[in-house]
Amino acid sequence: MRVTAGLRGFTGAEARRRAESVLETVGMAKRADRPVRTYSKGMRQRIKLGQALVHDPDLLVLDEPLNGVDPVGCEELNDLFRTLAAKGKAVLVSSHILHEMDQLADRILFICRGKLLASGSLAEIRDMLDDHPLKVRISCGSPRRIAPQLLTLESVKSVSIEPPCDLLLEVQNPGRFYAEFGEFAAGNDAQVHRLKATDTSTEAVFDYLMERAARPE
């Protein structure tokens, strides 16, 4: 790590200070004296991340940074990325493990075969896919009673019942639906236990984008 600091123009005590600081940051300070060849893949990922951080860059570009990292380590590194972003650093992460991005990225670029399919927040991109109604699962006390009533809402495209007490909805305008449903539930004693959109994950949105891209123009 001190060699990397030296390559960045730091010498002597400053190179040593920066090396020790980033080793602490990436959770490798207690293992710093071990030969790199004895490290696991996840530990080597941490070392490479430390090398990228040693000169305190404003922009951090990471290619599959969580590859080979165990679940606990993934959460620790994600926390680090969030901390860096909160400090004003730009963190650009390339990953094909899409679910990793669900809780990490505030802006996403979907790219396939060198073509940009969409960019923005995950919610913005999902709302853009108006040819794919949002799928919402509702657990409630009386699904058969309220199912036909839900069809009167302008934003609801379809309703199906999934025993014992779930409703599956297709919603055309999510923003309008949530506003309408709040009033509906309050006025119809819907006894709602849970409401959850089921196709807003990064993987689901990417699948929709790929389907759209495959259509003939």
Foldseek 3Di string as FASTA:
>chain_A
DLVLLVVVPDDDPLSVVLLCVLCVLLVNNVVVPPDPVPDFPLVVLSVVVSSQPSVPDLEAEEEPSCVRPDPVSLVSVLVSLVVSVVVNGHYHYHDPPQQSCQPRDQKDFDDDPRDTLDIGGLVVLVLVPLVFFWKKKWFWDDCVVCQVVLVVQPQWDHWDDDPDGMIITGGRHVVSSVVVVVVVCVVPVGRTDDMDTDQSGRVSSSVSSVVVVPDDD
